[in-house]
Protein backbone atom coordinates (compact mmCIF):
# COMPACT_ATOMS: atom_id res chain seq x y z
CA MET A 1 18.93 -14.96 -2.27
CA ASN A 2 20.05 -11.53 -1.05
CA ARG A 3 18.49 -9.78 1.94
CA SER A 4 16.38 -7.31 -0.05
CA ALA A 5 14.78 -10.00 -2.20
CA PHE A 6 14.17 -12.25 0.80
CA ILE A 7 12.36 -9.49 2.69
CA LEU A 8 10.06 -8.79 -0.24
CA ALA A 9 9.49 -12.46 -1.08
CA ALA A 10 8.53 -13.29 2.50
CA ALA A 11 6.05 -10.43 2.49
CA ILE A 12 4.48 -11.59 -0.77
CA PHE A 13 4.05 -15.19 0.31
CA TYR A 14 3.07 -14.71 3.95
CA GLY A 15 0.67 -11.82 3.61
CA GLY A 16 2.90 -8.84 4.42
CA LEU A 17 2.38 -7.49 0.90
CA PRO A 18 -1.23 -7.94 -0.19
CA PRO A 19 -1.85 -8.81 -3.85
CA GLY A 20 -2.50 -5.76 -5.96
CA ARG A 21 -1.12 -2.27 -6.45
CA ALA A 22 1.53 -2.11 -3.77
CA ALA A 23 3.98 0.75 -3.43
CA ALA A 24 7.38 0.15 -1.87
CA ASP A 25 10.66 1.55 -0.60
CA ILE A 26 13.81 1.51 -2.66
CA ALA A 27 16.32 -1.23 -1.83
CA PRO A 28 20.10 -1.60 -2.31
CA ASN A 29 21.73 -4.14 -4.59
CA PRO A 30 18.61 -6.17 -5.38
CA MET A 31 20.35 -8.42 -7.94
CA THR A 32 23.81 -8.91 -6.47
CA GLY A 33 23.47 -8.52 -2.71
CA GLY A 34 26.50 -6.18 -2.58
CA ARG A 35 28.26 -8.28 0.04
CA SER A 36 31.65 -6.76 -0.80
CA ILE A 37 30.63 -3.29 0.34
CA GLY A 38 30.94 -3.72 4.09
CA PRO A 39 30.91 -6.28 6.92
CA TYR A 40 28.07 -4.65 8.91
CA GLY A 41 26.45 -7.81 10.28
CA ASP A 42 24.26 -9.24 7.55
CA ARG A 43 23.56 -5.82 6.10
CA ALA A 44 24.49 -5.34 2.46
CA THR A 45 25.68 -1.74 2.68
CA GLU A 46 27.06 1.02 4.87
CA VAL A 47 24.62 3.49 3.32
CA ARG A 48 21.80 4.64 5.58
CA MET A 49 18.32 5.90 4.69
CA VAL A 50 18.13 8.97 6.92
CA GLU A 51 14.71 10.33 6.02
CA GLU A 52 11.72 9.13 4.01
CA ASP A 53 8.82 11.33 2.94
CA VAL A 54 6.05 9.75 0.88
CA VAL A 55 2.84 11.25 -0.52
CA VAL A 56 0.31 8.87 -2.11
CA ARG A 57 -2.45 10.70 -4.02
CA ILE A 58 -5.47 8.54 -4.84
CA PHE A 59 -7.43 9.55 -7.94
CA ALA A 60 -10.45 7.87 -9.52
CA ASP A 61 -8.43 6.19 -12.30
CA SER A 62 -4.92 5.94 -10.85
CA ILE A 63 -2.71 6.35 -7.79
CA VAL A 64 0.28 8.71 -7.94
CA THR A 65 3.12 8.23 -5.45
CA VAL A 66 6.01 10.63 -4.87
CA ALA A 67 8.65 9.35 -2.44
CA SER A 68 11.83 11.15 -1.37
CA PHE A 69 14.69 9.45 0.45
CA VAL A 70 17.62 11.26 2.06
CA MET A 71 20.61 8.91 2.01
CA HIS A 72 23.96 9.12 3.83
CA ASN A 73 27.04 7.00 3.26
CA GLY A 74 28.96 6.72 6.51
CA GLY A 75 31.69 4.59 4.94
CA GLU A 76 33.97 4.77 1.93
CA THR A 77 32.74 5.57 -1.57
CA ALA A 78 30.52 2.72 -2.73
CA GLU A 79 29.02 1.76 -6.08
CA MET A 80 25.89 -0.34 -6.19
CA GLN A 81 22.61 -1.04 -7.88
CA VAL A 82 19.54 0.54 -6.33
CA GLY A 83 16.11 -0.89 -7.04
CA PHE A 84 12.38 -0.30 -6.68
CA PRO A 85 10.48 -3.60 -6.24
CA PHE A 86 6.91 -4.32 -7.30
CA ASN A 87 4.57 -7.28 -7.86
CA TYR A 88 2.60 -6.88 -11.06
CA PRO A 89 4.22 -5.17 -14.07
CA ASP A 90 0.87 -4.53 -15.76
CA ASP A 91 -0.22 -2.37 -12.81
CA LEU A 92 2.72 0.03 -13.00
CA ILE A 93 1.68 2.68 -15.53
CA GLU A 94 4.57 5.13 -15.27
CA PHE A 95 7.85 5.37 -13.33
CA ARG A 96 10.58 8.00 -12.94
CA ALA A 97 13.59 8.32 -10.63
CA PHE A 98 15.85 11.25 -9.76
CA ILE A 99 19.12 11.73 -7.85
CA ASP A 100 19.51 15.23 -6.40
CA GLY A 101 16.93 16.40 -8.95
CA ASN A 102 18.64 14.83 -11.98
CA PRO A 103 16.73 12.18 -13.99
CA VAL A 104 18.02 8.61 -13.72
CA ASP A 105 18.34 6.06 -16.52
CA PHE A 106 16.79 2.88 -15.18
CA ARG A 107 16.32 -0.63 -16.53
CA ASP A 108 13.86 -3.44 -15.92
CA ALA A 109 14.76 -6.68 -14.20
CA ALA A 110 12.96 -9.74 -12.86
CA GLN A 111 14.16 -12.00 -10.08
CA GLU A 112 12.87 -15.45 -9.21
CA VAL A 113 12.55 -15.82 -5.45
CA SER A 114 11.35 -18.50 -3.07
CA VAL A 115 10.36 -18.75 0.57
CA GLY A 116 10.01 -22.32 1.71
CA ARG A 117 8.16 -24.23 -1.01
CA LYS A 118 6.59 -21.13 -2.52
CA LYS A 119 8.12 -19.47 -5.55
CA GLY A 120 7.41 -16.27 -7.40
CA THR A 121 8.85 -13.32 -9.30
CA VAL A 122 9.85 -9.90 -7.99
CA TYR A 123 10.10 -7.17 -10.63
CA TRP A 124 12.51 -4.26 -10.28
CA LYS A 125 13.29 -0.85 -11.70
CA LEU A 126 17.10 -0.72 -11.37
CA TRP A 127 19.74 1.99 -11.69
CA ASP A 128 23.43 2.33 -10.79
CA MET A 129 24.57 4.72 -8.07
CA THR A 130 27.80 5.94 -6.54
CA PHE A 131 27.53 6.96 -2.90
CA LEU A 132 30.49 9.17 -2.00
CA GLY A 133 32.05 8.68 1.41
CA ASP A 134 30.48 10.80 4.18
CA GLU A 135 28.14 12.45 1.64
CA ARG A 136 24.38 12.84 1.47
CA CYS A 137 22.10 12.66 -1.53
CA THR A 138 18.36 12.64 -2.17
CA ILE A 139 16.66 9.97 -4.26
CA ARG A 140 13.15 10.75 -5.48
CA ILE A 141 10.88 8.30 -7.23
CA GLU A 142 7.57 9.13 -8.88
CA TYR A 143 5.19 6.52 -10.21
CA ARG A 144 1.60 5.98 -11.23
CA THR A 145 -0.29 2.71 -10.68
CA LYS A 146 -3.76 1.35 -11.28
CA PRO A 147 -6.18 1.61 -8.36
CA MET A 148 -7.25 -1.53 -6.52
CA LEU A 149 -11.06 -1.39 -6.42
CA ASN A 150 -13.47 -4.04 -5.20
CA PRO A 151 -16.96 -3.41 -6.64
CA ALA A 152 -18.47 -5.98 -4.29
CA GLY A 153 -17.46 -3.83 -1.34
CA THR A 154 -18.18 -5.62 1.93
CA PHE A 155 -20.44 -8.17 0.25
CA GLY A 156 -19.84 -11.89 0.14
CA GLY A 157 -19.70 -13.92 -3.05
CA GLU A 158 -23.48 -13.98 -3.54
CA LEU A 159 -23.79 -10.47 -4.97
CA TYR A 160 -24.19 -11.85 -8.50
CA THR A 161 -27.46 -13.55 -7.48
CA LEU A 162 -29.22 -10.16 -7.40
CA PRO A 163 -31.01 -8.64 -10.40
CA ASP A 164 -28.63 -6.74 -12.68
CA ASP A 165 -30.06 -3.27 -12.04
CA VAL A 166 -29.83 -3.75 -8.27
CA ARG A 167 -26.36 -5.25 -8.45
CA PHE A 168 -25.02 -2.40 -10.59
CA GLU A 169 -26.38 0.21 -8.19
CA LEU A 170 -24.95 -1.58 -5.17
CA GLU A 171 -21.57 -1.93 -6.86
CA ARG A 172 -21.51 1.75 -7.76
CA ALA A 173 -22.41 2.92 -4.26
CA CYS A 174 -20.48 0.37 -2.21
CA THR A 175 -17.22 0.02 -4.14
CA ILE A 176 -14.24 -0.09 -1.79
CA GLY A 177 -10.73 0.96 -2.77
CA ARG A 178 -7.55 -0.13 -1.08
CA THR A 179 -4.03 1.17 -1.35
CA GLU A 180 -0.88 0.49 0.66
CA TYR A 181 2.71 1.59 0.97
CA PHE A 182 5.21 -1.17 1.68
CA LEU A 183 8.07 -0.16 4.02
CA THR A 184 9.96 -3.37 4.75
CA THR A 185 12.39 -3.17 1.82
CA GLY A 186 13.96 -0.20 3.63
CA LYS A 187 15.35 -2.65 6.22
CA ALA A 188 18.12 -3.56 3.78
CA TRP A 189 19.80 -0.18 4.37
CA LYS A 190 22.03 0.34 7.41
CA GLY A 191 20.55 1.38 10.72
CA VAL A 192 17.25 3.17 11.32
CA LEU A 193 15.60 6.25 9.85
CA ASP A 194 15.73 9.55 11.71
CA ARG A 195 12.29 10.35 10.31
CA CYS A 196 9.65 8.58 8.23
CA ARG A 197 6.41 10.15 7.04
CA VAL A 198 3.78 8.56 4.78
CA THR A 199 0.67 10.50 3.73
CA PHE A 200 -2.37 9.19 1.82
CA GLU A 201 -4.58 11.81 0.14
CA LEU A 202 -7.99 11.17 -1.42
CA ALA A 203 -8.01 13.60 -4.36
CA GLY A 204 -11.33 15.42 -4.65
CA LEU A 205 -12.78 13.68 -1.56
CA THR A 206 -12.85 14.30 2.19
CA ASN A 207 -12.01 12.06 5.12
CA THR A 208 -15.69 11.05 5.32
CA HIS A 209 -14.86 8.58 2.54
CA ILE A 210 -12.32 6.74 4.74
CA LEU A 211 -13.50 3.28 5.73
CA ALA A 212 -10.48 1.94 7.65
CA TYR A 213 -6.69 2.24 7.91
CA THR A 214 -3.71 0.51 9.52
CA PRO A 215 -1.58 0.95 11.55
CA GLN A 216 -4.02 2.59 13.92
CA ASP A 217 -1.60 5.33 15.00
CA GLY A 218 -2.19 7.28 11.78
CA ALA A 219 -3.49 10.85 12.04
CA VAL A 220 -6.65 11.60 10.03
CA THR A 221 -6.29 14.72 7.86
CA ASP A 222 -8.94 16.67 5.93
CA ASN A 223 -8.73 14.23 3.02
CA GLY A 224 -6.65 11.26 4.15
CA VAL A 225 -4.34 9.76 6.76
CA ALA A 226 -0.71 10.47 7.70
CA TRP A 227 1.80 8.40 9.65
CA GLU A 228 4.99 9.92 11.05
CA TYR A 229 7.74 8.18 13.01
CA THR A 230 11.18 9.03 14.39
CA ASP A 231 14.08 6.63 15.02
CA TYR A 232 12.17 4.22 12.84
CA GLU A 233 13.19 0.78 11.65
CA PRO A 234 11.13 0.02 8.50
CA ALA A 235 8.54 -2.69 9.06
CA GLY A 236 5.34 -3.88 7.42
CA PHE A 237 3.15 -1.53 5.43
CA VAL A 238 0.49 1.15 5.85
CA THR A 239 -2.96 0.63 4.34
CA LEU A 240 -6.03 2.72 3.56
CA ARG A 241 -9.51 1.43 2.67
CA TYR A 242 -11.84 4.04 1.23
CA CYS A 243 -15.23 4.45 -0.47
CA PRO A 244 -14.76 6.45 -3.70
CA ASN A 245 -18.44 6.90 -4.59
CA MET A 246 -20.20 7.53 -1.27
CA PRO A 247 -19.21 8.76 2.22
CA ALA A 248 -18.55 5.64 4.24
CA GLY A 249 -20.97 6.62 7.00
CA GLN A 250 -23.89 6.66 4.56
CA ILE A 251 -23.40 3.08 3.38
CA PRO A 252 -25.06 1.25 6.33
CA GLY A 253 -28.28 3.28 5.88
CA PHE A 254 -28.13 2.78 2.11
CA LEU A 255 -27.83 -0.99 2.60
CA ARG A 256 -30.58 -1.04 5.21
CA GLY A 257 -32.95 0.59 2.75
CA TYR A 258 -32.18 -1.99 0.10
CA ALA A 259 -32.50 -4.83 2.62
CA ASP A 260 -35.97 -3.66 3.62
CA SER A 261 -37.05 -3.47 -0.03
CA PHE A 262 -35.99 -7.08 -0.60
CA SER A 263 -38.06 -8.60 2.17
CA GLY A 264 -39.50 -11.88 0.89
CA TYR A 265 -37.45 -11.88 -2.33
CA ALA A 266 -36.28 -15.30 -3.54
CA PRO A 267 -32.61 -15.44 -4.65
CA LEU A 268 -31.72 -16.21 -8.27
CA ALA A 269 -29.74 -19.31 -7.32
CA ASP A 270 -30.02 -22.62 -5.48
CA ASP A 271 -31.09 -22.94 -1.83
CA LYS A 272 -27.51 -22.88 -0.59
CA ARG A 273 -27.18 -19.18 -1.42
CA LYS A 274 -28.16 -16.52 1.06
CA GLU A 275 -31.30 -14.49 0.56
CA PRO A 276 -30.62 -10.88 -0.48
CA THR A 277 -32.13 -9.45 2.71
CA ALA A 278 -29.81 -11.49 4.93
CA MET A 279 -26.86 -10.75 2.66
CA LEU A 280 -27.50 -6.99 2.72
CA HIS A 281 -27.85 -6.97 6.49
CA GLU A 282 -24.55 -8.84 6.84
CA SER A 283 -22.85 -6.38 4.51
CA ARG A 284 -24.30 -3.47 6.48
CA ASP A 285 -22.96 -4.99 9.71
CA ARG A 286 -19.48 -5.46 8.23
CA THR A 287 -19.44 -1.86 7.02
CA THR A 288 -20.62 -0.67 10.44
CA ASP A 289 -17.77 -2.62 12.09
CA TYR A 290 -15.24 -0.94 9.78
CA LEU A 291 -16.67 2.47 10.61
CA ALA A 292 -16.67 1.75 14.35
CA GLN A 293 -12.99 0.82 14.19
CA HIS A 294 -12.25 4.00 12.23
CA SER A 295 -14.10 6.06 14.89
CA ARG A 296 -12.15 4.37 17.68
CA ASN A 297 -8.89 5.15 15.89
CA GLN A 298 -9.86 8.83 15.65
CA SER A 299 -10.88 8.90 19.31
CA ILE A 300 -7.57 7.37 20.38
CA ARG A 301 -5.63 9.92 18.32
CA SER A 302 -7.72 12.79 19.70
CA HIS A 303 -7.33 11.61 23.31
CA HIS A 304 -3.57 11.15 23.10
CA GLY A 305 -3.18 14.13 20.70
């Protein structure tokens, strides 16, 4: 297996890439490995990703990502396949790629990968590129994916034991969305990035809807979070958890009110299930913990400004 596929496969199987609607870097030579290009250690190419600028806009029904990559070939002219990897083909609604502003003809591919005893499939959008010696170019990819929403929010598995009208209201108010941008595939390019910036924006919402984010060195904006690094070697992923239907800070009080109204209510299930009051209090506490972590992150950023 080539380096690019191994990086992505390891992330899928060991938790680096959570299941769902994951965005990712582009990667060189995903199907062939490109070993003939250059002998730079175990790197597959002499081409370097110099800068990366990503904006992820989160809408109610989809997530739109626009990612620009400034590339530089420090070696001789090289021809290779370039690919965009993803997990679930049904979640990718639309995809486009451009080189120096010109549309690219791409093709679909699937690659069986394995890490240890675990096996799976990595899907790719592939196109052919020629990197001229000592020349720069800009690759831009634009794609739209389905949102990853959890209607149970911070609840456990017992939410379905509640009456339907209560459950529907709790799901509406406490739905949690999650989106991430996966950076590790960028490791397959030579060297490190001069600059990397990833911005998440909650379209039509404010930062009061943010529940949590990682890494914790992100800067909270008016409607999202931004991460910016220099001399950066791609690693891991950035993640945002958000509440699309209610400001996150209002959820604990909302849950407390419901918990009080359910005092003495018998669950619609066997005795092994938790009572609604206890369940709602636990959910409130989990939400409060998320919010406390978010507040600490903001305080750390403000203090070290």
